[in-house]
Amino acid sequence: MITPLVETTLRTSLLALTPIQRLEAVRKFNSSGFIGERWFIHANVIAIIILTILLLVVSFRRITRERKNSEKLFNEYAESRGLTYSECQTLLDIARKARLKQSESIFTLADAFDFGSALIIKKLVSKHAVKETQHLESILSSLREKLGFKREASFARGSLGEAERLSSRQIPVGKEVHLRRPNEKDSESIEATVVKNNDIELAVSLTEPITITFGELWNVRYYFGSSVWEFESYVVSYNGNIMVLNHSEDIRFINRRRFFRAPVQKPAFIASFPFERKLTWSVESSKEKGKMSHNFPEILLKPLQFVPAVVTELGGPGLRIEAPIEVKAGDRVLIMFELDRETKQKLVKNPQTDEVTEISTTVMKVIEDVGIIEEIGEVRRTEDALENLSMAVELTGLRDSDIDCLIRATNAASLYENKNASNAEGQPPVHIGI
């Protein structure tokens, strides 16, 4: 350790040197050590080159080993799932397009599969390769089925949950869709009807002729009950008024369930409407000695049994119904209820007898549809102590025009309720437990 006296002496000596003397001292120090020798510099350069080569060799061997392991796993997975040679090559192309470092991971990543497939299809569509695109779609359909990426929709409900994966393959034939060019502002949507939908293509019939460009991107909207499916698709072919689009796995789900609700008192009828019903009937008969009786009972097919109900709340496709019926959440029911009624009156005069006839007419609009039970609660009315079930029901399979009709009826009921709010004060209280 340098003492303070020695440190002070050294600093004083260094400060006493002139700049030229300091430069000479540095040169002598560099020339006197082995660091400045040429052989030392060459040795360092050679060592760096050798280490770099060794690093490259080790990295190359590691990459080669990982690639062989990846190819081995890919082939094992492909063999276990029964993939053909063309399916394997297509799946490898999809993995490369999706930029997966490990190609075998494509067997479990549905999003990467959809992303890579979309890029390959987009390239073929831009080249107007219709046959190649259709052939690729058939291979992709087979791959989705073998890899478990194929998705089936359940159309028993009026809408699907946001977490459920959707596909354009789930749009039923005969449904209406709306097409629009997304790159054009203020462009009007074109109505079309789905005429064909399989694993390869989505074909729609247009209501009016248009000018299209192959490979052009279109925005497609499908109104499904109280929800909207929206996605982009490319034009594969166009013949007459039939446009063929490629499928899309990137569906944006728009929920339209938030509707204004209004209290109503609409007479209704409701019946349990399950998909499958099991009927059992047994009879007893005496058995003779040594003989078996084969007198089986006959079961007759009967129509649905409706019970009286009351629609107490209306809100778009959602209803609140009170009825003495045994149901649980998720059950299907068949509903009939009065939406509105109009009365008309006119006078008809007989020109021969001058007799005037008065004709009074009542027109009632009735809604008949299938609903799904969303929630159930008990209702007890204080005046008669009768217990019913109060159930929230969502109507299924509604078109956009049907929903608009229910919304107008809800708004009209709200205006009528506000107008007669003073009369509602005399109604008995209702206690609903949900």
Protein backbone atom coordinates (compact mmCIF):
# COMPACT_ATOMS: atom_id res chain seq x y z
CA MET A 1 0.00 0.00 0.00
CA ILE A 2 1.37 3.42 -1.01
CA THR A 3 1.94 5.73 1.91
CA PRO A 4 0.76 9.34 1.73
CA LEU A 5 4.37 10.58 1.64
CA VAL A 6 5.30 8.38 -1.35
CA GLU A 7 2.06 9.26 -3.16
CA THR A 8 2.73 12.97 -2.70
CA THR A 9 6.30 12.55 -3.98
CA LEU A 10 5.19 10.72 -7.15
CA ARG A 11 2.52 13.29 -7.98
CA THR A 12 5.04 16.11 -7.51
CA SER A 13 7.55 14.34 -9.79
CA LEU A 14 4.96 13.75 -12.53
CA LEU A 15 3.78 17.33 -12.44
CA ALA A 16 7.40 18.48 -12.70
CA LEU A 17 7.84 16.67 -16.08
CA THR A 18 7.24 18.54 -19.31
CA PRO A 19 4.76 17.19 -21.91
CA ILE A 20 7.61 16.00 -24.15
CA GLN A 21 9.24 14.13 -21.26
CA ARG A 22 5.90 12.42 -20.48
CA LEU A 23 5.46 11.29 -24.14
CA GLU A 24 9.00 9.85 -24.21
CA ALA A 25 8.29 7.92 -21.01
CA VAL A 26 5.17 6.35 -22.52
CA ARG A 27 7.04 5.33 -25.71
CA LYS A 28 9.80 3.72 -23.70
CA PHE A 29 7.21 1.81 -21.64
CA ASN A 30 5.46 0.43 -24.78
CA SER A 31 8.72 -0.47 -26.53
CA SER A 32 10.18 -2.17 -23.47
CA GLY A 33 7.17 -4.54 -22.87
CA PHE A 34 6.18 -7.66 -24.82
CA ILE A 35 2.72 -6.16 -25.58
CA GLY A 36 4.18 -4.17 -28.44
CA GLU A 37 5.92 -7.18 -29.99
CA ARG A 38 4.64 -8.29 -33.44
CA TRP A 39 4.50 -11.96 -32.49
CA PHE A 40 2.19 -11.18 -29.60
CA ILE A 41 -0.26 -9.33 -31.87
CA HIS A 42 -0.25 -12.18 -34.42
CA ALA A 43 -0.83 -14.72 -31.69
CA ASN A 44 -3.85 -12.81 -30.43
CA VAL A 45 -5.32 -12.53 -33.95
CA ILE A 46 -4.84 -16.26 -34.55
CA ALA A 47 -6.43 -17.11 -31.18
CA ILE A 48 -9.45 -14.94 -31.95
CA ILE A 49 -9.86 -16.58 -35.39
CA ILE A 50 -9.61 -20.08 -33.89
CA LEU A 51 -12.15 -19.26 -31.16
CA THR A 52 -14.52 -17.76 -33.73
CA ILE A 53 -14.27 -20.88 -35.91
CA LEU A 54 -14.86 -23.12 -32.89
CA LEU A 55 -17.91 -21.04 -31.91
CA LEU A 56 -19.32 -21.30 -35.44
CA VAL A 57 -18.71 -25.05 -35.56
CA VAL A 58 -20.38 -25.60 -32.17
CA SER A 59 -23.34 -23.39 -33.13
CA PHE A 60 -23.71 -25.14 -36.50
CA ARG A 61 -23.63 -28.58 -34.85
CA ARG A 62 -26.15 -27.45 -32.25
CA ILE A 63 -28.47 -26.00 -34.93
CA THR A 64 -28.10 -29.16 -37.02
CA ARG A 65 -28.87 -31.35 -34.00
CA GLU A 66 -31.91 -29.28 -33.08
CA ARG A 67 -33.11 -29.35 -36.70
CA LYS A 68 -32.76 -33.14 -36.84
CA ASN A 69 -34.63 -33.48 -33.55
CA SER A 70 -37.32 -31.13 -34.84
CA GLU A 71 -37.63 -33.08 -38.09
CA LYS A 72 -37.78 -36.35 -36.14
CA LEU A 73 -40.55 -35.05 -33.89
CA PHE A 74 -42.40 -33.58 -36.87
CA ASN A 75 -42.28 -36.91 -38.70
CA GLU A 76 -43.40 -38.79 -35.59
CA TYR A 77 -46.35 -36.44 -35.08
CA ALA A 78 -47.23 -36.60 -38.78
CA GLU A 79 -47.14 -40.40 -38.77
CA SER A 80 -49.24 -40.65 -35.61
CA ARG A 81 -51.91 -38.42 -37.18
CA GLY A 82 -51.86 -40.16 -40.54
CA LEU A 83 -50.68 -37.25 -42.68
CA THR A 84 -49.92 -37.84 -46.35
CA TYR A 85 -46.76 -36.58 -48.07
CA SER A 86 -48.54 -33.56 -49.59
CA GLU A 87 -50.13 -32.74 -46.23
CA CYS A 88 -46.72 -32.88 -44.55
CA GLN A 89 -45.18 -30.55 -47.14
CA THR A 90 -48.09 -28.14 -46.84
CA LEU A 91 -47.83 -28.17 -43.05
CA LEU A 92 -44.10 -27.44 -43.25
CA ASP A 93 -44.83 -24.48 -45.56
CA ILE A 94 -47.40 -23.22 -43.07
CA ALA A 95 -44.89 -23.51 -40.21
CA ARG A 96 -42.32 -21.54 -42.23
CA LYS A 97 -44.85 -18.86 -43.14
CA ALA A 98 -45.82 -18.60 -39.46
CA ARG A 99 -42.08 -18.20 -38.63
CA LEU A 100 -42.01 -20.99 -36.09
CA LYS A 101 -38.54 -21.86 -34.83
CA GLN A 102 -39.66 -25.41 -34.08
CA SER A 103 -41.75 -26.83 -36.92
CA GLU A 104 -43.27 -29.56 -34.74
CA SER A 105 -45.07 -26.93 -32.65
CA ILE A 106 -47.47 -26.33 -35.58
CA PHE A 107 -49.32 -29.48 -34.46
CA THR A 108 -50.59 -27.67 -31.35
CA LEU A 109 -50.76 -24.00 -32.37
CA ALA A 110 -54.08 -23.37 -34.10
CA ASP A 111 -53.48 -19.62 -34.39
CA ALA A 112 -50.13 -20.17 -36.13
CA PHE A 113 -51.80 -22.66 -38.48
CA ASP A 114 -54.49 -20.14 -39.42
CA PHE A 115 -51.95 -17.33 -39.86
CA GLY A 116 -49.63 -19.35 -42.09
CA SER A 117 -52.54 -20.74 -44.13
CA ALA A 118 -53.92 -17.25 -44.73
CA LEU A 119 -50.56 -16.05 -46.06
CA ILE A 120 -50.25 -18.96 -48.49
CA ILE A 121 -53.83 -18.56 -49.73
CA LYS A 122 -53.36 -14.81 -50.16
CA LYS A 123 -50.34 -15.43 -52.38
CA LEU A 124 -52.21 -17.94 -54.56
CA VAL A 125 -55.29 -15.74 -54.84
CA SER A 126 -53.20 -12.77 -55.96
CA LYS A 127 -51.86 -14.95 -58.81
CA HIS A 128 -55.44 -15.89 -59.87
CA ALA A 129 -54.54 -19.55 -59.26
CA VAL A 130 -58.11 -20.76 -58.75
CA LYS A 131 -57.44 -24.50 -59.10
CA GLU A 132 -54.36 -24.36 -56.91
CA THR A 133 -56.31 -22.43 -54.28
CA GLN A 134 -59.14 -24.96 -54.27
CA HIS A 135 -56.66 -27.83 -54.05
CA LEU A 136 -54.92 -26.11 -51.13
CA GLU A 137 -58.23 -25.54 -49.38
CA SER A 138 -59.02 -29.26 -49.59
CA ILE A 139 -55.63 -30.10 -48.06
CA LEU A 140 -56.12 -27.51 -45.33
CA SER A 141 -59.55 -28.93 -44.54
CA SER A 142 -58.06 -32.39 -44.15
CA LEU A 143 -55.27 -31.01 -41.96
CA ARG A 144 -57.73 -29.19 -39.71
CA GLU A 145 -59.68 -32.37 -39.17
CA LYS A 146 -56.59 -34.51 -38.47
CA LEU A 147 -54.97 -31.93 -36.19
CA GLY A 148 -58.16 -31.18 -34.29
CA PHE A 149 -58.34 -27.56 -35.49
CA LYS A 150 -61.71 -27.98 -37.16
CA ARG A 151 -64.44 -26.06 -35.34
CA GLU A 152 -68.12 -26.82 -35.34
CA ALA A 153 -70.71 -24.26 -34.28
CA SER A 154 -73.76 -25.03 -32.20
CA PHE A 155 -76.74 -23.20 -33.70
CA ALA A 156 -79.05 -24.07 -30.83
CA ARG A 157 -78.23 -20.76 -29.18
CA GLY A 158 -79.02 -17.31 -30.47
CA SER A 159 -75.42 -16.20 -30.15
CA LEU A 160 -72.05 -17.62 -29.34
CA GLY A 161 -69.78 -16.68 -26.51
CA GLU A 162 -66.81 -14.45 -27.16
CA ALA A 163 -64.38 -17.10 -25.99
CA GLU A 164 -65.63 -19.68 -28.52
CA ARG A 165 -63.56 -19.80 -31.69
CA LEU A 166 -65.51 -19.01 -34.83
CA SER A 167 -64.99 -19.78 -38.51
CA SER A 168 -66.68 -18.72 -41.73
CA ARG A 169 -67.34 -22.44 -42.32
CA GLN A 170 -70.01 -22.23 -39.61
CA ILE A 171 -72.33 -19.92 -41.59
CA PRO A 172 -75.32 -22.01 -42.74
CA VAL A 173 -76.42 -22.12 -46.37
CA GLY A 174 -79.36 -19.80 -47.07
CA LYS A 175 -78.28 -17.11 -44.61
CA GLU A 176 -77.82 -13.50 -45.68
CA VAL A 177 -74.45 -11.74 -45.48
CA HIS A 178 -73.38 -8.18 -46.24
CA LEU A 179 -70.27 -7.46 -48.34
CA ARG A 180 -68.32 -4.22 -48.44
CA ARG A 181 -64.94 -3.11 -49.74
CA PRO A 182 -63.02 -2.10 -46.59
CA ASN A 183 -60.57 0.14 -48.46
CA GLU A 184 -63.30 2.39 -49.81
CA LYS A 185 -64.88 4.98 -47.56
CA ASP A 186 -68.66 5.42 -47.57
CA SER A 187 -69.09 2.33 -49.75
CA GLU A 188 -72.54 0.76 -49.59
CA SER A 189 -72.83 -2.83 -48.45
CA ILE A 190 -74.07 -5.43 -50.93
CA GLU A 191 -76.53 -8.05 -49.80
CA ALA A 192 -75.76 -11.65 -50.67
CA THR A 193 -77.08 -15.11 -49.84
CA VAL A 194 -74.87 -18.06 -48.96
CA VAL A 195 -75.51 -20.73 -51.62
CA LYS A 196 -72.61 -23.06 -50.82
CA ASN A 197 -70.38 -23.46 -47.79
CA ASN A 198 -68.04 -26.40 -47.45
CA ASP A 199 -64.53 -26.95 -46.16
CA ILE A 200 -63.06 -25.54 -49.37
CA GLU A 201 -65.03 -22.42 -50.28
CA LEU A 202 -67.74 -19.97 -49.32
CA ALA A 203 -69.99 -19.14 -52.29
CA VAL A 204 -72.52 -16.29 -52.14
CA SER A 205 -75.13 -15.09 -54.60
CA LEU A 206 -75.11 -11.30 -55.05
CA THR A 207 -78.28 -9.28 -55.46
CA GLU A 208 -76.63 -6.98 -58.01
CA PRO A 209 -73.76 -7.26 -60.50
CA ILE A 210 -70.49 -5.65 -59.46
CA THR A 211 -66.95 -5.22 -60.76
CA ILE A 212 -64.44 -7.23 -58.78
CA THR A 213 -60.70 -7.84 -58.78
CA PHE A 214 -59.32 -11.29 -58.06
CA GLY A 215 -57.40 -11.31 -54.82
CA GLU A 216 -59.34 -8.27 -53.63
CA LEU A 217 -60.07 -8.09 -49.92
CA TRP A 218 -63.74 -7.81 -48.87
CA ASN A 219 -65.36 -7.18 -45.52
CA VAL A 220 -68.11 -9.70 -44.73
CA ARG A 221 -70.78 -9.31 -42.04
CA TYR A 222 -73.15 -12.05 -40.90
CA TYR A 223 -76.00 -11.16 -38.54
CA PHE A 224 -76.62 -14.11 -36.23
CA GLY A 225 -79.41 -13.50 -33.74
CA SER A 226 -78.30 -10.83 -31.31
CA SER A 227 -74.70 -10.90 -32.51
CA VAL A 228 -72.68 -9.99 -35.60
CA TRP A 229 -69.79 -11.93 -37.13
CA GLU A 230 -67.33 -9.81 -39.10
CA PHE A 231 -64.29 -10.97 -41.07
CA GLU A 232 -62.17 -10.23 -44.15
CA SER A 233 -62.03 -12.58 -47.13
CA TYR A 234 -60.40 -12.70 -50.58
CA VAL A 235 -62.25 -13.19 -53.87
CA VAL A 236 -61.25 -16.54 -55.36
CA SER A 237 -63.58 -16.55 -58.38
CA TYR A 238 -66.59 -14.70 -59.78
CA ASN A 239 -69.06 -16.14 -62.28
CA GLY A 240 -72.25 -14.27 -63.10
CA ASN A 241 -73.63 -13.24 -59.72
CA ILE A 242 -71.87 -16.02 -57.75
CA MET A 243 -68.81 -14.88 -55.84
CA VAL A 244 -66.52 -17.46 -54.25
CA LEU A 245 -64.59 -16.33 -51.17
CA ASN A 246 -61.88 -18.07 -49.22
CA HIS A 247 -62.59 -19.05 -45.64
CA SER A 248 -61.46 -17.01 -42.65
CA GLU A 249 -60.65 -18.19 -39.14
CA ASP A 250 -60.25 -14.65 -37.79
CA ILE A 251 -63.86 -13.79 -36.90
CA ARG A 252 -64.62 -10.67 -34.88
CA PHE A 253 -67.61 -11.25 -32.59
CA ILE A 254 -69.85 -8.25 -31.92
CA ASN A 255 -72.39 -8.73 -29.14
CA ARG A 256 -75.63 -6.74 -29.48
CA ARG A 257 -77.37 -8.03 -26.36
CA ARG A 258 -77.52 -4.70 -24.57
CA PHE A 259 -81.07 -3.70 -25.38
CA PHE A 260 -83.35 -1.27 -23.64
CA ARG A 261 -85.98 -3.13 -21.57
CA ALA A 262 -89.57 -2.13 -20.87
CA PRO A 263 -92.20 -3.68 -18.56
CA VAL A 264 -95.19 -5.18 -20.37
CA GLN A 265 -98.16 -7.44 -19.70
CA LYS A 266 -98.48 -9.61 -22.80
CA PRO A 267 -100.55 -12.81 -22.73
CA ALA A 268 -98.57 -15.81 -23.89
CA PHE A 269 -98.36 -19.59 -24.08
CA ILE A 270 -95.22 -21.60 -23.41
CA ALA A 271 -94.25 -25.25 -23.78
CA SER A 272 -91.13 -27.24 -23.05
CA PHE A 273 -89.41 -27.90 -26.39
CA PRO A 274 -86.40 -30.22 -25.94
CA PHE A 275 -84.64 -31.73 -28.92
CA GLU A 276 -85.30 -35.24 -27.65
CA ARG A 277 -88.07 -36.53 -25.43
CA LYS A 278 -88.39 -40.06 -24.01
CA LEU A 279 -91.87 -41.50 -23.37
CA THR A 280 -92.35 -44.61 -21.24
CA TRP A 281 -95.54 -46.56 -20.56
CA SER A 282 -95.89 -49.87 -18.74
CA VAL A 283 -98.81 -52.26 -18.17
CA GLU A 284 -99.26 -55.24 -15.89
CA SER A 285 -100.73 -58.54 -17.02
CA SER A 286 -101.12 -61.94 -15.39
CA LYS A 287 -98.75 -64.69 -16.43
CA GLU A 288 -100.25 -68.05 -17.35
CA LYS A 289 -98.42 -71.22 -16.40
CA GLY A 290 -95.67 -71.98 -18.91
CA LYS A 291 -96.55 -68.98 -21.10
CA MET A 292 -95.12 -65.50 -21.44
CA SER A 293 -97.33 -62.54 -22.23
CA HIS A 294 -96.17 -60.16 -24.98
CA ASN A 295 -98.85 -57.55 -24.57
CA PHE A 296 -96.70 -54.43 -24.86
CA PRO A 297 -98.42 -51.06 -24.42
CA GLU A 298 -98.90 -48.71 -27.33
CA ILE A 299 -97.48 -45.19 -26.94
CA LEU A 300 -99.25 -42.52 -28.92
CA LEU A 301 -97.48 -39.45 -30.24
CA LYS A 302 -99.07 -36.34 -28.79
CA PRO A 303 -98.62 -32.63 -29.60
CA LEU A 304 -96.89 -30.19 -27.29
CA GLN A 305 -98.70 -29.13 -24.13
CA PHE A 306 -98.82 -25.35 -23.78
CA VAL A 307 -99.49 -23.61 -20.47
CA PRO A 308 -100.68 -20.00 -20.05
CA ALA A 309 -97.94 -17.46 -19.38
CA VAL A 310 -97.38 -13.72 -19.19
CA VAL A 311 -94.54 -11.75 -20.78
CA THR A 312 -93.64 -9.18 -18.11
CA GLU A 313 -90.59 -7.61 -19.72
CA LEU A 314 -89.56 -7.02 -23.32
CA GLY A 315 -86.08 -6.09 -24.49
CA GLY A 316 -85.15 -6.95 -28.07
CA PRO A 317 -84.70 -10.72 -28.33
CA GLY A 318 -84.76 -11.05 -24.54
CA LEU A 319 -88.00 -11.72 -22.66
CA ARG A 320 -89.03 -12.04 -19.02
CA ILE A 321 -91.83 -14.61 -18.72
CA GLU A 322 -93.89 -15.84 -15.77
CA ALA A 323 -95.39 -19.31 -16.12
CA PRO A 324 -96.18 -22.40 -14.00
CA ILE A 325 -93.72 -24.66 -15.85
CA GLU A 326 -90.77 -26.77 -14.72
CA VAL A 327 -87.65 -25.78 -16.63
CA LYS A 328 -84.00 -25.14 -15.89
CA ALA A 329 -81.31 -22.91 -17.33
CA GLY A 330 -80.28 -24.00 -20.82
CA ASP A 331 -83.62 -25.65 -21.68
CA ARG A 332 -85.40 -24.88 -24.93
CA VAL A 333 -88.97 -23.61 -24.87
CA LEU A 334 -91.51 -22.80 -27.56
CA ILE A 335 -93.15 -19.41 -27.03
CA MET A 336 -96.25 -17.69 -28.39
CA PHE A 337 -97.07 -14.19 -27.21
CA GLU A 338 -99.01 -11.18 -28.32
CA LEU A 339 -96.82 -8.39 -29.58
CA ASP A 340 -99.42 -5.73 -30.40
CA ARG A 341 -102.94 -5.31 -31.72
CA GLU A 342 -104.82 -2.77 -33.82
CA THR A 343 -108.53 -2.09 -34.12
CA LYS A 344 -110.18 -0.85 -37.30
CA GLN A 345 -113.74 0.25 -37.89
CA LYS A 346 -115.50 1.22 -41.10
CA LEU A 347 -119.05 1.80 -42.30
CA VAL A 348 -120.42 0.17 -45.45
CA LYS A 349 -123.61 1.53 -47.01
CA ASN A 350 -125.87 -0.56 -49.20
CA PRO A 351 -126.79 1.68 -52.18
CA GLN A 352 -130.08 -0.14 -52.77
CA THR A 353 -131.48 -0.21 -49.23
CA ASP A 354 -129.40 2.63 -47.75
CA GLU A 355 -128.65 0.28 -44.88
CA VAL A 356 -125.39 1.06 -43.09
CA THR A 357 -123.31 -1.85 -41.83
CA GLU A 358 -120.59 -1.36 -39.26
CA ILE A 359 -117.52 -3.60 -39.63
CA SER A 360 -115.13 -3.80 -36.69
CA THR A 361 -111.82 -5.58 -37.20
CA THR A 362 -109.05 -6.44 -34.77
CA VAL A 363 -105.56 -7.30 -36.04
CA MET A 364 -103.21 -8.96 -33.58
CA LYS A 365 -99.55 -9.67 -34.25
CA VAL A 366 -98.30 -12.86 -32.57
CA ILE A 367 -94.64 -13.85 -32.14
CA GLU A 368 -93.83 -17.56 -32.32
CA ASP A 369 -90.26 -18.66 -31.78
CA VAL A 370 -87.90 -20.95 -29.89
CA GLY A 371 -86.17 -19.55 -26.82
CA ILE A 372 -83.37 -20.58 -24.49
CA ILE A 373 -83.78 -20.28 -20.71
CA GLU A 374 -81.05 -17.97 -19.38
CA GLU A 375 -82.03 -17.70 -15.69
CA ILE A 376 -84.91 -18.68 -13.40
CA GLY A 377 -86.42 -17.17 -10.25
CA GLU A 378 -89.48 -17.64 -8.08
CA VAL A 379 -92.39 -15.19 -8.21
CA ARG A 380 -94.99 -14.81 -5.46
CA ARG A 381 -97.90 -12.43 -5.94
CA THR A 382 -99.26 -11.12 -2.67
CA GLU A 383 -102.93 -11.03 -3.62
CA ASP A 384 -103.33 -14.70 -4.50
CA ALA A 385 -100.15 -16.27 -3.15
CA LEU A 386 -99.64 -18.12 -6.43
CA GLU A 387 -96.12 -19.26 -7.17
CA ASN A 388 -94.80 -19.13 -10.73
CA LEU A 389 -91.39 -19.21 -12.31
CA SER A 390 -89.94 -16.01 -13.69
CA MET A 391 -87.56 -16.93 -16.46
CA ALA A 392 -85.29 -14.88 -18.68
CA VAL A 393 -85.60 -16.23 -22.22
CA GLU A 394 -83.57 -15.33 -25.29
CA LEU A 395 -85.18 -15.90 -28.67
CA THR A 396 -82.98 -17.73 -31.16
CA GLY A 397 -82.44 -17.64 -34.90
CA LEU A 398 -83.71 -14.09 -35.35
CA ARG A 399 -82.91 -12.09 -38.43
CA ASP A 400 -81.82 -8.49 -38.20
CA SER A 401 -85.29 -7.32 -39.29
CA ASP A 402 -86.87 -9.47 -36.57
CA ILE A 403 -84.71 -7.85 -33.90
CA ASP A 404 -85.61 -4.40 -35.23
CA CYS A 405 -89.30 -5.31 -34.94
CA LEU A 406 -88.86 -6.33 -31.30
CA ILE A 407 -86.88 -3.17 -30.56
CA ARG A 408 -89.71 -1.02 -31.98
CA ALA A 409 -92.21 -2.93 -29.84
CA THR A 410 -90.01 -2.36 -26.77
CA ASN A 411 -89.83 1.38 -27.45
CA ALA A 412 -93.59 1.57 -27.94
CA ALA A 413 -94.18 -0.30 -24.67
CA SER A 414 -91.85 2.09 -22.86
CA LEU A 415 -93.74 5.13 -24.15
CA TYR A 416 -97.05 3.57 -23.15
CA GLU A 417 -95.71 2.79 -19.67
CA ASN A 418 -94.50 6.35 -19.15
CA LYS A 419 -97.84 7.72 -20.31
CA ASN A 420 -99.77 5.56 -17.85
CA ALA A 421 -97.30 5.69 -14.98
CA SER A 422 -99.87 7.18 -12.65
CA ASN A 423 -102.15 4.15 -13.08
CA ALA A 424 -99.37 1.77 -12.12
CA GLU A 425 -99.33 2.98 -8.51
CA GLY A 426 -102.46 0.99 -7.69
CA GLN A 427 -101.00 -2.34 -8.87
CA PRO A 428 -100.13 -4.91 -6.18
CA PRO A 429 -96.42 -5.38 -5.45
CA VAL A 430 -94.52 -8.23 -7.05
CA HIS A 431 -91.51 -9.84 -5.37
CA ILE A 432 -89.10 -11.58 -7.69
CA GLY A 433 -86.16 -13.59 -6.42
CA ILE A 434 -83.52 -14.40 -9.02
